Amino acid sequence: MINRGTLAANQLCKGAPWIIRLSDIEEDTVRREADARRSWRPASYDPRQNVLSL
């Protein structure tokens, strides 16, 4: 989402962790794309694994 420009973020230098503001995460466009991305991932094949809803 950062590479696509949906989620604004900054790095202090190349290779450093991305700095993401909470207000940017709470934007509707970011939330919609995150929800859509969750549906792209296949469910685990391990029946013992629990679902973690965020």
C-alpha atoms as a PDB file:
ATOM      1  CA  MET A   1       0.000   0.000   0.000  1.00  0.00           C
ATOM      2  CA  ILE A   2       2.950   2.305   0.612  1.00  0.00           C
ATOM      3  CA  ASN A   3       4.471   1.499  -2.800  1.00  0.00           C
ATOM      4  CA  ARG A   4       1.107   2.006  -4.508  1.00  0.00           C
ATOM      5  CA  GLY A   5       0.637   5.385  -2.794  1.00  0.00           C
ATOM      6  CA  THR A   6      -2.499   4.391  -0.895  1.00  0.00           C
ATOM      7  CA  LEU A   7      -0.798   4.670   2.493  1.00  0.00           C
ATOM      8  CA  ALA A   8       1.414   7.664   3.228  1.00  0.00           C
ATOM      9  CA  ALA A   9       4.679   6.826   5.001  1.00  0.00           C
ATOM     10  CA  ASN A  10       8.213   8.156   5.434  1.00  0.00           C
ATOM     11  CA  GLN A  11      11.644   6.657   5.963  1.00  0.00           C
ATOM     12  CA  LEU A  12      14.518   8.508   7.612  1.00  0.00           C
ATOM     13  CA  CYS A  13      16.933   6.707   5.297  1.00  0.00           C
ATOM     14  CA  LYS A  14      16.852   3.792   2.869  1.00  0.00           C
ATOM     15  CA  GLY A  15      16.444   0.497   4.739  1.00  0.00           C
ATOM     16  CA  ALA A  16      15.016   2.149   7.856  1.00  0.00           C
ATOM     17  CA  PRO A  17      11.559   1.173   9.112  1.00  0.00           C
ATOM     18  CA  TRP A  18       8.611   3.017   7.612  1.00  0.00           C
ATOM     19  CA  ILE A  19       7.038   5.712   9.780  1.00  0.00           C
ATOM     20  CA  ILE A  20       3.242   5.691   9.417  1.00  0.00           C
ATOM     21  CA  ARG A  21       0.978   8.191  11.156  1.00  0.00           C
ATOM     22  CA  LEU A  22      -2.107   6.821  12.924  1.00  0.00           C
ATOM     23  CA  SER A  23      -4.287   9.387  11.164  1.00  0.00           C
ATOM     24  CA  ASP A  24      -3.157   7.977   7.790  1.00  0.00           C
ATOM     25  CA  ILE A  25      -4.087   4.431   8.822  1.00  0.00           C
ATOM     26  CA  GLU A  26      -7.551   5.596   9.866  1.00  0.00           C
ATOM     27  CA  GLU A  27      -8.381   7.060   6.430  1.00  0.00           C
ATOM     28  CA  ASP A  28     -11.306   5.411   4.629  1.00  0.00           C
ATOM     29  CA  THR A  29      -9.311   4.629   1.483  1.00  0.00           C
ATOM     30  CA  VAL A  30      -6.641   2.833   3.493  1.00  0.00           C
ATOM     31  CA  ARG A  31      -9.193   0.863   5.503  1.00  0.00           C
ATOM     32  CA  ARG A  32     -11.063  -0.194   2.348  1.00  0.00           C
ATOM     33  CA  GLU A  33      -7.913  -1.433   0.659  1.00  0.00           C
ATOM     34  CA  ALA A  34      -6.784  -3.259   3.811  1.00  0.00           C
ATOM     35  CA  ASP A  35     -10.179  -4.986   4.054  1.00  0.00           C
ATOM     36  CA  ALA A  36      -9.995  -5.970   0.389  1.00  0.00           C
ATOM     37  CA  ARG A  37      -6.464  -7.332   0.815  1.00  0.00           C
ATOM     38  CA  ARG A  38      -7.527  -9.544   3.705  1.00  0.00           C
ATOM     39  CA  SER A  39      -9.899 -11.400   1.407  1.00  0.00           C
ATOM     40  CA  TRP A  40      -7.038 -12.102  -1.072  1.00  0.00           C
ATOM     41  CA  ARG A  41      -5.119 -14.241   1.397  1.00  0.00           C
ATOM     42  CA  PRO A  42      -5.972 -17.918   1.570  1.00  0.00           C
ATOM     43  CA  ALA A  43      -7.055 -19.374   4.883  1.00  0.00           C
ATOM     44  CA  SER A  44      -4.555 -21.519   6.704  1.00  0.00           C
ATOM     45  CA  TYR A  45      -4.707 -25.233   6.043  1.00  0.00           C
ATOM     46  CA  ASP A  46      -3.897 -25.960   9.690  1.00  0.00           C
ATOM     47  CA  PRO A  47      -7.213 -26.597  11.513  1.00  0.00           C
ATOM     48  CA  ARG A  48      -5.522 -25.779  14.844  1.00  0.00           C
ATOM     49  CA  GLN A  49      -4.783 -22.193  13.805  1.00  0.00           C
ATOM     50  CA  ASN A  50      -7.148 -19.540  15.164  1.00  0.00           C
ATOM     51  CA  VAL A  51      -8.284 -16.459  13.260  1.00  0.00           C
ATOM     52  CA  LEU A  52      -6.937 -13.121  14.520  1.00  0.00           C
ATOM     53  CA  SER A  53      -9.394 -10.346  13.668  1.00  0.00           C
ATOM     54  CA  LEU A  54      -7.902  -6.868  13.650  1.00  0.00           C
END
